[in-house]
Amino acid sequence: FTAISPTAEVHANHNEAQNAAIRRRCSAYRRRQNLYAKTTAGLQRSLDVQRLIHNWVRPHWGLGAKTTPAMAMGFTTHPISMAELLNSRGFQALLL
């Protein structure tokens, strides 16, 4: 789910920036590495983890100081730590 305002302009460079971020953070997408995903399920798990970190853990300075996309959309009031995310009972529900 994304909350793009009707007046916001979406450019190809936004997509390229997202692709570059995935390549930097997810070893399965790097070229010339031995850490490739052996199955599509493994690749999907890797992408799910990166999506959770991107939206729930990592602050985005474009949204305001120390604000995550989940905070900007009103799902939480603070950035979630990795320990809090992995220990939550609803961790599997966040992957949907």
PDB file of N, CA and C in Angstrom:
ATOM      1  N   PHE A   1       0.841  -1.176   0.000  1.00  0.00           N
ATOM      2  CA  PHE A   1       0.000   0.000   0.000  1.00  0.00           C
ATOM      3  C   PHE A   1       0.879   1.230   0.000  1.00  0.00           C
ATOM      4  N   THR A   2       0.594   2.147  -0.879  1.00  0.00           N
ATOM      5  CA  THR A   2       1.327   3.409  -0.885  1.00  0.00           C
ATOM      6  C   THR A   2       0.334   4.546  -0.788  1.00  0.00           C
ATOM      7  N   ALA A   3       0.776   5.622  -0.222  1.00  0.00           N
ATOM      8  CA  ALA A   3      -0.075   6.798  -0.095  1.00  0.00           C
ATOM      9  C   ALA A   3       0.546   7.924  -0.903  1.00  0.00           C
ATOM     10  N   ILE A   4       0.383   7.881  -2.199  1.00  0.00           N
ATOM     11  CA  ILE A   4       0.905   8.926  -3.067  1.00  0.00           C
ATOM     12  C   ILE A   4      -0.209   9.927  -3.288  1.00  0.00           C
ATOM     13  N   SER A   5       0.087  11.173  -3.023  1.00  0.00           N
ATOM     14  CA  SER A   5      -0.942  12.188  -3.188  1.00  0.00           C
ATOM     15  C   SER A   5      -1.246  12.376  -4.667  1.00  0.00           C
ATOM     16  N   PRO A   6      -2.481  12.752  -5.004  1.00  0.00           N
ATOM     17  CA  PRO A   6      -2.837  12.934  -6.413  1.00  0.00           C
ATOM     18  C   PRO A   6      -2.023  14.029  -7.095  1.00  0.00           C
ATOM     19  N   THR A   7      -1.471  14.955  -6.315  1.00  0.00           N
ATOM     20  CA  THR A   7      -0.697  16.047  -6.908  1.00  0.00           C
ATOM     21  C   THR A   7       0.787  15.711  -7.017  1.00  0.00           C
ATOM     22  N   ALA A   8       1.220  14.596  -6.422  1.00  0.00           N
ATOM     23  CA  ALA A   8       2.638  14.229  -6.455  1.00  0.00           C
ATOM     24  C   ALA A   8       3.016  13.708  -7.835  1.00  0.00           C
ATOM     25  N   GLU A   9       4.213  14.049  -8.247  1.00  0.00           N
ATOM     26  CA  GLU A   9       4.728  13.552  -9.517  1.00  0.00           C
ATOM     27  C   GLU A   9       5.613  12.345  -9.247  1.00  0.00           C
ATOM     28  N   VAL A  10       5.401  11.294  -9.992  1.00  0.00           N
ATOM     29  CA  VAL A  10       6.215  10.093  -9.863  1.00  0.00           C
ATOM     30  C   VAL A  10       7.096  10.006 -11.101  1.00  0.00           C
ATOM     31  N   HIS A  11       8.390   9.906 -10.876  1.00  0.00           N
ATOM     32  CA  HIS A  11       9.346   9.880 -11.973  1.00  0.00           C
ATOM     33  C   HIS A  11      10.074   8.542 -12.004  1.00  0.00           C
ATOM     34  N   ALA A  12      10.684   8.238 -13.124  1.00  0.00           N
ATOM     35  CA  ALA A  12      11.452   6.999 -13.266  1.00  0.00           C
ATOM     36  C   ALA A  12      12.632   6.969 -12.302  1.00  0.00           C
ATOM     37  N   ASN A  13      13.167   8.141 -11.943  1.00  0.00           N
ATOM     38  CA  ASN A  13      14.312   8.142 -11.034  1.00  0.00           C
ATOM     39  C   ASN A  13      13.922   7.657  -9.636  1.00  0.00           C
ATOM     40  N   HIS A  14      12.639   7.777  -9.247  1.00  0.00           N
ATOM     41  CA  HIS A  14      12.197   7.214  -7.973  1.00  0.00           C
ATOM     42  C   HIS A  14      12.316   5.693  -8.012  1.00  0.00           C
ATOM     43  N   ASN A  15      11.901   5.104  -9.117  1.00  0.00           N
ATOM     44  CA  ASN A  15      11.991   3.655  -9.281  1.00  0.00           C
ATOM     45  C   ASN A  15      13.450   3.202  -9.327  1.00  0.00           C
ATOM     46  N   GLU A  16      14.289   3.938 -10.023  1.00  0.00           N
ATOM     47  CA  GLU A  16      15.708   3.590 -10.101  1.00  0.00           C
ATOM     48  C   GLU A  16      16.381   3.711  -8.737  1.00  0.00           C
ATOM     49  N   ALA A  17      15.991   4.699  -7.945  1.00  0.00           N
ATOM     50  CA  ALA A  17      16.552   4.844  -6.601  1.00  0.00           C
ATOM     51  C   ALA A  17      16.148   3.667  -5.724  1.00  0.00           C
ATOM     52  N   GLN A  18      14.901   3.220  -5.854  1.00  0.00           N
ATOM     53  CA  GLN A  18      14.447   2.057  -5.087  1.00  0.00           C
ATOM     54  C   GLN A  18      15.213   0.803  -5.509  1.00  0.00           C
ATOM     55  N   ASN A  19      15.401   0.617  -6.802  1.00  0.00           N
ATOM     56  CA  ASN A  19      16.158  -0.540  -7.289  1.00  0.00           C
ATOM     57  C   ASN A  19      17.598  -0.508  -6.787  1.00  0.00           C
ATOM     58  N   ALA A  20      18.215   0.662  -6.786  1.00  0.00           N
ATOM     59  CA  ALA A  20      19.591   0.788  -6.296  1.00  0.00           C
ATOM     60  C   ALA A  20      19.660   0.477  -4.803  1.00  0.00           C
ATOM     61  N   ALA A  21      18.668   0.931  -4.043  1.00  0.00           N
ATOM     62  CA  ALA A  21      18.644   0.650  -2.608  1.00  0.00           C
ATOM     63  C   ALA A  21      18.504  -0.844  -2.347  1.00  0.00           C
ATOM     64  N   ILE A  22      17.668  -1.515  -3.125  1.00  0.00           N
ATOM     65  CA  ILE A  22      17.515  -2.966  -2.964  1.00  0.00           C
ATOM     66  C   ILE A  22      18.825  -3.669  -3.282  1.00  0.00           C
ATOM     67  N   ARG A  23      19.508  -3.258  -4.348  1.00  0.00           N
ATOM     68  CA  ARG A  23      20.788  -3.887  -4.698  1.00  0.00           C
ATOM     69  C   ARG A  23      21.836  -3.668  -3.611  1.00  0.00           C
ATOM     70  N   ARG A  24      21.840  -2.487  -2.990  1.00  0.00           N
ATOM     71  CA  ARG A  24      22.810  -2.206  -1.928  1.00  0.00           C
ATOM     72  C   ARG A  24      22.535  -3.035  -0.682  1.00  0.00           C
ATOM     73  N   ARG A  25      21.269  -3.218  -0.343  1.00  0.00           N
ATOM     74  CA  ARG A  25      20.908  -3.840   0.929  1.00  0.00           C
ATOM     75  C   ARG A  25      20.631  -5.329   0.848  1.00  0.00           C
ATOM     76  N   CYS A  26      20.388  -5.850  -0.319  1.00  0.00           N
ATOM     77  CA  CYS A  26      19.993  -7.250  -0.472  1.00  0.00           C
ATOM     78  C   CYS A  26      21.040  -7.972  -1.315  1.00  0.00           C
ATOM     79  N   SER A  27      21.805  -8.845  -0.678  1.00  0.00           N
ATOM     80  CA  SER A  27      22.923  -9.486  -1.373  1.00  0.00           C
ATOM     81  C   SER A  27      22.476 -10.355  -2.541  1.00  0.00           C
ATOM     82  N   ALA A  28      21.238 -10.829  -2.534  1.00  0.00           N
ATOM     83  CA  ALA A  28      20.763 -11.677  -3.636  1.00  0.00           C
ATOM     84  C   ALA A  28      20.663 -10.900  -4.949  1.00  0.00           C
ATOM     85  N   TYR A  29      20.591  -9.574  -4.878  1.00  0.00           N
ATOM     86  CA  TYR A  29      20.481  -8.764  -6.084  1.00  0.00           C
ATOM     87  C   TYR A  29      21.809  -8.192  -6.560  1.00  0.00           C
ATOM     88  N   ARG A  30      22.874  -8.395  -5.797  1.00  0.00           N
ATOM     89  CA  ARG A  30      24.175  -7.897  -6.228  1.00  0.00           C
ATOM     90  C   ARG A  30      24.745  -8.801  -7.294  1.00  0.00           C
ATOM     91  N   ARG A  31      25.439  -8.223  -8.195  1.00  0.00           N
ATOM     92  CA  ARG A  31      26.066  -9.014  -9.249  1.00  0.00           C
ATOM     93  C   ARG A  31      27.413  -9.551  -8.767  1.00  0.00           C
ATOM     94  N   ARG A  32      27.820 -10.672  -9.350  1.00  0.00           N
ATOM     95  CA  ARG A  32      29.117 -11.296  -9.071  1.00  0.00           C
ATOM     96  C   ARG A  32      29.287 -11.651  -7.588  1.00  0.00           C
ATOM     97  N   GLN A  33      28.244 -12.107  -6.979  1.00  0.00           N
ATOM     98  CA  GLN A  33      28.314 -12.532  -5.588  1.00  0.00           C
ATOM     99  C   GLN A  33      27.933 -13.999  -5.488  1.00  0.00           C
ATOM    100  N   ASN A  34      28.392 -14.643  -4.468  1.00  0.00           N
ATOM    101  CA  ASN A  34      28.036 -16.034  -4.223  1.00  0.00           C
ATOM    102  C   ASN A  34      26.825 -16.133  -3.295  1.00  0.00           C
ATOM    103  N   LEU A  35      26.202 -15.026  -2.987  1.00  0.00           N
ATOM    104  CA  LEU A  35      25.091 -14.991  -2.044  1.00  0.00           C
ATOM    105  C   LEU A  35      23.755 -14.869  -2.769  1.00  0.00           C
ATOM    106  N   TYR A  36      23.617 -15.524  -3.881  1.00  0.00           N
ATOM    107  CA  TYR A  36      22.388 -15.431  -4.661  1.00  0.00           C
ATOM    108  C   TYR A  36      21.286 -16.266  -4.013  1.00  0.00           C
ATOM    109  N   ALA A  37      20.039 -15.953  -4.344  1.00  0.00           N
ATOM    110  CA  ALA A  37      18.907 -16.729  -3.841  1.00  0.00           C
ATOM    111  C   ALA A  37      18.777 -17.993  -4.685  1.00  0.00           C
ATOM    112  N   LYS A  38      18.714 -19.120  -4.029  1.00  0.00           N
ATOM    113  CA  LYS A  38      18.650 -20.391  -4.750  1.00  0.00           C
ATOM    114  C   LYS A  38      17.233 -20.738  -5.191  1.00  0.00           C
ATOM    115  N   THR A  39      16.240 -20.140  -4.552  1.00  0.00           N
ATOM    116  CA  THR A  39      14.843 -20.379  -4.921  1.00  0.00           C
ATOM    117  C   THR A  39      14.101 -19.055  -4.960  1.00  0.00           C
ATOM    118  N   THR A  40      12.975 -19.032  -5.639  1.00  0.00           N
ATOM    119  CA  THR A  40      12.173 -17.802  -5.651  1.00  0.00           C
ATOM    120  C   THR A  40      11.592 -17.532  -4.273  1.00  0.00           C
ATOM    121  N   ALA A  41      11.318 -18.576  -3.489  1.00  0.00           N
ATOM    122  CA  ALA A  41      10.813 -18.373  -2.123  1.00  0.00           C
ATOM    123  C   ALA A  41      11.876 -17.682  -1.264  1.00  0.00           C
ATOM    124  N   GLY A  42      13.136 -18.079  -1.418  1.00  0.00           N
ATOM    125  CA  GLY A  42      14.215 -17.431  -0.681  1.00  0.00           C
ATOM    126  C   GLY A  42      14.384 -15.979  -1.087  1.00  0.00           C
ATOM    127  N   LEU A  43      14.262 -15.705  -2.368  1.00  0.00           N
ATOM    128  CA  LEU A  43      14.352 -14.335  -2.854  1.00  0.00           C
ATOM    129  C   LEU A  43      13.189 -13.500  -2.319  1.00  0.00           C
ATOM    130  N   GLN A  44      11.988 -14.074  -2.284  1.00  0.00           N
ATOM    131  CA  GLN A  44      10.826 -13.349  -1.769  1.00  0.00           C
ATOM    132  C   GLN A  44      10.992 -13.041  -0.282  1.00  0.00           C
ATOM    133  N   ARG A  45      11.522 -13.996   0.498  1.00  0.00           N
ATOM    134  CA  ARG A  45      11.769 -13.747   1.922  1.00  0.00           C
ATOM    135  C   ARG A  45      12.751 -12.599   2.102  1.00  0.00           C
ATOM    136  N   SER A  46      13.788 -12.576   1.288  1.00  0.00           N
ATOM    137  CA  SER A  46      14.776 -11.507   1.360  1.00  0.00           C
ATOM    138  C   SER A  46      14.146 -10.150   1.047  1.00  0.00           C
ATOM    139  N   LEU A  47      13.301 -10.108   0.030  1.00  0.00           N
ATOM    140  CA  LEU A  47      12.611  -8.861  -0.314  1.00  0.00           C
ATOM    141  C   LEU A  47      11.636  -8.441   0.782  1.00  0.00           C
ATOM    142  N   ASP A  48      10.949  -9.406   1.403  1.00  0.00           N
ATOM    143  CA  ASP A  48      10.017  -9.094   2.490  1.00  0.00           C
ATOM    144  C   ASP A  48      10.741  -8.441   3.662  1.00  0.00           C
ATOM    145  N   VAL A  49      11.898  -8.989   4.011  1.00  0.00           N
ATOM    146  CA  VAL A  49      12.681  -8.414   5.108  1.00  0.00           C
ATOM    147  C   VAL A  49      13.116  -6.998   4.758  1.00  0.00           C
ATOM    148  N   GLN A  50      13.592  -6.782   3.535  1.00  0.00           N
ATOM    149  CA  GLN A  50      14.004  -5.442   3.125  1.00  0.00           C
ATOM    150  C   GLN A  50      12.829  -4.467   3.134  1.00  0.00           C
ATOM    151  N   ARG A  51      11.647  -4.930   2.729  1.00  0.00           N
ATOM    152  CA  ARG A  51      10.461  -4.070   2.734  1.00  0.00           C
ATOM    153  C   ARG A  51      10.086  -3.682   4.164  1.00  0.00           C
ATOM    154  N   LEU A  52      10.156  -4.638   5.095  1.00  0.00           N
ATOM    155  CA  LEU A  52       9.848  -4.337   6.491  1.00  0.00           C
ATOM    156  C   LEU A  52      10.834  -3.332   7.072  1.00  0.00           C
ATOM    157  N   ILE A  53      12.110  -3.536   6.818  1.00  0.00           N
ATOM    158  CA  ILE A  53      13.120  -2.603   7.321  1.00  0.00           C
ATOM    159  C   ILE A  53      12.903  -1.221   6.722  1.00  0.00           C
ATOM    160  N   HIS A  54      12.633  -1.160   5.428  1.00  0.00           N
ATOM    161  CA  HIS A  54      12.440   0.112   4.734  1.00  0.00           C
ATOM    162  C   HIS A  54      11.245   0.883   5.295  1.00  0.00           C
ATOM    163  N   ASN A  55      10.141   0.196   5.553  1.00  0.00           N
ATOM    164  CA  ASN A  55       8.911   0.880   5.951  1.00  0.00           C
ATOM    165  C   ASN A  55       8.722   1.034   7.451  1.00  0.00           C
ATOM    166  N   TRP A  56       9.297   0.151   8.267  1.00  0.00           N
ATOM    167  CA  TRP A  56       9.011   0.161   9.692  1.00  0.00           C
ATOM    168  C   TRP A  56      10.205   0.541  10.559  1.00  0.00           C
ATOM    169  N   VAL A  57      11.431   0.256  10.117  1.00  0.00           N
ATOM    170  CA  VAL A  57      12.602   0.444  10.972  1.00  0.00           C
ATOM    171  C   VAL A  57      13.409   1.672  10.574  1.00  0.00           C
ATOM    172  N   ARG A  58      13.697   1.826   9.305  1.00  0.00           N
ATOM    173  CA  ARG A  58      14.616   2.862   8.824  1.00  0.00           C
ATOM    174  C   ARG A  58      13.920   4.213   8.667  1.00  0.00           C
ATOM    175  N   PRO A  59      14.388   5.245   9.382  1.00  0.00           N
ATOM    176  CA  PRO A  59      13.800   6.581   9.206  1.00  0.00           C
ATOM    177  C   PRO A  59      14.131   7.151   7.830  1.00  0.00           C
ATOM    178  N   HIS A  60      13.208   7.918   7.292  1.00  0.00           N
ATOM    179  CA  HIS A  60      13.389   8.588   6.008  1.00  0.00           C
ATOM    180  C   HIS A  60      13.413  10.088   6.287  1.00  0.00           C
ATOM    181  N   TRP A  61      14.534  10.707   6.021  1.00  0.00           N
ATOM    182  CA  TRP A  61      14.686  12.120   6.353  1.00  0.00           C
ATOM    183  C   TRP A  61      13.791  13.001   5.495  1.00  0.00           C
ATOM    184  N   GLY A  62      13.357  12.542   4.356  1.00  0.00           N
ATOM    185  CA  GLY A  62      12.437  13.311   3.527  1.00  0.00           C
ATOM    186  C   GLY A  62      11.058  13.443   4.145  1.00  0.00           C
ATOM    187  N   LEU A  63      10.732  12.557   5.075  1.00  0.00           N
ATOM    188  CA  LEU A  63       9.431  12.598   5.752  1.00  0.00           C
ATOM    189  C   LEU A  63       9.478  13.422   7.026  1.00  0.00           C
ATOM    190  N   GLY A  64      10.631  13.827   7.439  1.00  0.00           N
ATOM    191  CA  GLY A  64      10.803  14.546   8.698  1.00  0.00           C
ATOM    192  C   GLY A  64      11.824  13.791   9.532  1.00  0.00           C
ATOM    193  N   ALA A  65      12.392  14.471  10.491  1.00  0.00           N
ATOM    194  CA  ALA A  65      13.455  13.875  11.297  1.00  0.00           C
ATOM    195  C   ALA A  65      12.964  12.616  11.996  1.00  0.00           C
ATOM    196  N   LYS A  66      13.673  11.525  11.773  1.00  0.00           N
ATOM    197  CA  LYS A  66      13.422  10.245  12.430  1.00  0.00           C
ATOM    198  C   LYS A  66      11.995   9.737  12.230  1.00  0.00           C
ATOM    199  N   THR A  67      11.484   9.861  11.020  1.00  0.00           N
ATOM    200  CA  THR A  67      10.132   9.394  10.702  1.00  0.00           C
ATOM    201  C   THR A  67      10.206   8.268   9.685  1.00  0.00           C
ATOM    202  N   THR A  68       9.541   7.162   9.986  1.00  0.00           N
ATOM    203  CA  THR A  68       9.457   6.044   9.051  1.00  0.00           C
ATOM    204  C   THR A  68       8.175   6.183   8.228  1.00  0.00           C
ATOM    205  N   PRO A  69       8.079   5.527   7.078  1.00  0.00           N
ATOM    206  CA  PRO A  69       6.829   5.572   6.316  1.00  0.00           C
ATOM    207  C   PRO A  69       5.638   5.051   7.118  1.00  0.00           C
ATOM    208  N   ALA A  70       5.846   4.046   7.971  1.00  0.00           N
ATOM    209  CA  ALA A  70       4.748   3.537   8.803  1.00  0.00           C
ATOM    210  C   ALA A  70       4.266   4.605   9.779  1.00  0.00           C
ATOM    211  N   MET A  71       5.183   5.422  10.298  1.00  0.00           N
ATOM    212  CA  MET A  71       4.794   6.519  11.181  1.00  0.00           C
ATOM    213  C   MET A  71       4.044   7.584  10.402  1.00  0.00           C
ATOM    214  N   ALA A  72       4.514   7.900   9.195  1.00  0.00           N
ATOM    215  CA  ALA A  72       3.873   8.934   8.382  1.00  0.00           C
ATOM    216  C   ALA A  72       2.442   8.552   8.023  1.00  0.00           C
ATOM    217  N   MET A  73       2.183   7.252   7.874  1.00  0.00           N
ATOM    218  CA  MET A  73       0.837   6.791   7.534  1.00  0.00           C
ATOM    219  C   MET A  73      -0.015   6.521   8.765  1.00  0.00           C
ATOM    220  N   GLY A  74       0.551   6.688   9.961  1.00  0.00           N
ATOM    221  CA  GLY A  74      -0.214   6.547  11.191  1.00  0.00           C
ATOM    222  C   GLY A  74      -0.318   5.139  11.749  1.00  0.00           C
ATOM    223  N   PHE A  75       0.515   4.201  11.276  1.00  0.00           N
ATOM    224  CA  PHE A  75       0.457   2.831  11.778  1.00  0.00           C
ATOM    225  C   PHE A  75       1.175   2.665  13.110  1.00  0.00           C
ATOM    226  N   THR A  76       2.126   3.531  13.405  1.00  0.00           N
ATOM    227  CA  THR A  76       2.891   3.455  14.646  1.00  0.00           C
ATOM    228  C   THR A  76       3.314   4.867  15.033  1.00  0.00           C
ATOM    229  N   THR A  77       3.749   5.025  16.282  1.00  0.00           N
ATOM    230  CA  THR A  77       4.145   6.351  16.761  1.00  0.00           C
ATOM    231  C   THR A  77       5.651   6.494  16.919  1.00  0.00           C
ATOM    232  N   HIS A  78       6.402   5.412  16.716  1.00  0.00           N
ATOM    233  CA  HIS A  78       7.857   5.455  16.872  1.00  0.00           C
ATOM    234  C   HIS A  78       8.500   4.490  15.888  1.00  0.00           C
ATOM    235  N   PRO A  79       9.768   4.732  15.543  1.00  0.00           N
ATOM    236  CA  PRO A  79      10.462   3.753  14.695  1.00  0.00           C
ATOM    237  C   PRO A  79      10.603   2.437  15.459  1.00  0.00           C
ATOM    238  N   ILE A  80      10.315   1.344  14.811  1.00  0.00           N
ATOM    239  CA  ILE A  80      10.381   0.033  15.449  1.00  0.00           C
ATOM    240  C   ILE A  80      11.811  -0.489  15.339  1.00  0.00           C
ATOM    241  N   SER A  81      12.342  -0.990  16.451  1.00  0.00           N
ATOM    242  CA  SER A  81      13.697  -1.552  16.422  1.00  0.00           C
ATOM    243  C   SER A  81      13.650  -2.936  15.783  1.00  0.00           C
ATOM    244  N   MET A  82      14.802  -3.412  15.329  1.00  0.00           N
ATOM    245  CA  MET A  82      14.867  -4.746  14.728  1.00  0.00           C
ATOM    246  C   MET A  82      14.451  -5.807  15.742  1.00  0.00           C
ATOM    247  N   ALA A  83      14.895  -5.671  16.992  1.00  0.00           N
ATOM    248  CA  ALA A  83      14.520  -6.644  18.020  1.00  0.00           C
ATOM    249  C   ALA A  83      13.011  -6.633  18.242  1.00  0.00           C
ATOM    250  N   GLU A  84      12.430  -5.443  18.294  1.00  0.00           N
ATOM    251  CA  GLU A  84      10.981  -5.324  18.483  1.00  0.00           C
ATOM    252  C   GLU A  84      10.227  -5.934  17.303  1.00  0.00           C
ATOM    253  N   LEU A  85      10.722  -5.710  16.105  1.00  0.00           N
ATOM    254  CA  LEU A  85      10.074  -6.252  14.911  1.00  0.00           C
ATOM    255  C   LEU A  85      10.131  -7.778  14.892  1.00  0.00           C
ATOM    256  N   LEU A  86      11.306  -8.337  15.144  1.00  0.00           N
ATOM    257  CA  LEU A  86      11.468  -9.785  15.072  1.00  0.00           C
ATOM    258  C   LEU A  86      10.797 -10.517  16.227  1.00  0.00           C
ATOM    259  N   ASN A  87      10.646  -9.859  17.373  1.00  0.00           N
ATOM    260  CA  ASN A  87      10.020 -10.492  18.535  1.00  0.00           C
ATOM    261  C   ASN A  87       8.516 -10.291  18.595  1.00  0.00           C
ATOM    262  N   SER A  88       7.953  -9.511  17.698  1.00  0.00           N
ATOM    263  CA  SER A  88       6.514  -9.241  17.761  1.00  0.00           C
ATOM    264  C   SER A  88       5.717 -10.480  17.379  1.00  0.00           C
ATOM    265  N   ARG A  89       4.572 -10.643  18.017  1.00  0.00           N
ATOM    266  CA  ARG A  89       3.722 -11.802  17.739  1.00  0.00           C
ATOM    267  C   ARG A  89       3.108 -11.705  16.354  1.00  0.00           C
ATOM    268  N   GLY A  90       2.941 -10.512  15.848  1.00  0.00           N
ATOM    269  CA  GLY A  90       2.323 -10.330  14.542  1.00  0.00           C
ATOM    270  C   GLY A  90       3.319 -10.198  13.405  1.00  0.00           C
ATOM    271  N   PHE A  91       4.551 -10.688  13.605  1.00  0.00           N
ATOM    272  CA  PHE A  91       5.587 -10.540  12.582  1.00  0.00           C
ATOM    273  C   PHE A  91       5.154 -11.141  11.250  1.00  0.00           C
ATOM    274  N   GLN A  92       4.532 -12.307  11.262  1.00  0.00           N
ATOM    275  CA  GLN A  92       4.087 -12.933  10.011  1.00  0.00           C
ATOM    276  C   GLN A  92       3.009 -12.102   9.331  1.00  0.00           C
ATOM    277  N   ALA A  93       2.153 -11.437  10.110  1.00  0.00           N
ATOM    278  CA  ALA A  93       1.102 -10.606   9.514  1.00  0.00           C
ATOM    279  C   ALA A  93       1.701  -9.401   8.795  1.00  0.00           C
ATOM    280  N   LEU A  94       2.858  -8.920   9.255  1.00  0.00           N
ATOM    281  CA  LEU A  94       3.498  -7.781   8.604  1.00  0.00           C
ATOM    282  C   LEU A  94       4.044  -8.143   7.231  1.00  0.00           C
ATOM    283  N   LEU A  95       4.262  -9.413   6.983  1.00  0.00           N
ATOM    284  CA  LEU A  95       4.807  -9.846   5.696  1.00  0.00           C
ATOM    285  C   LEU A  95       3.752  -9.883   4.599  1.00  0.00           C
ATOM    286  N   LEU A  96       2.505  -9.755   4.946  1.00  0.00           N
ATOM    287  CA  LEU A  96       1.439  -9.815   3.935  1.00  0.00           C
ATOM    288  C   LEU A  96       1.337  -8.536   3.156  1.00  0.00           C
TER     289      LEU A  96
END
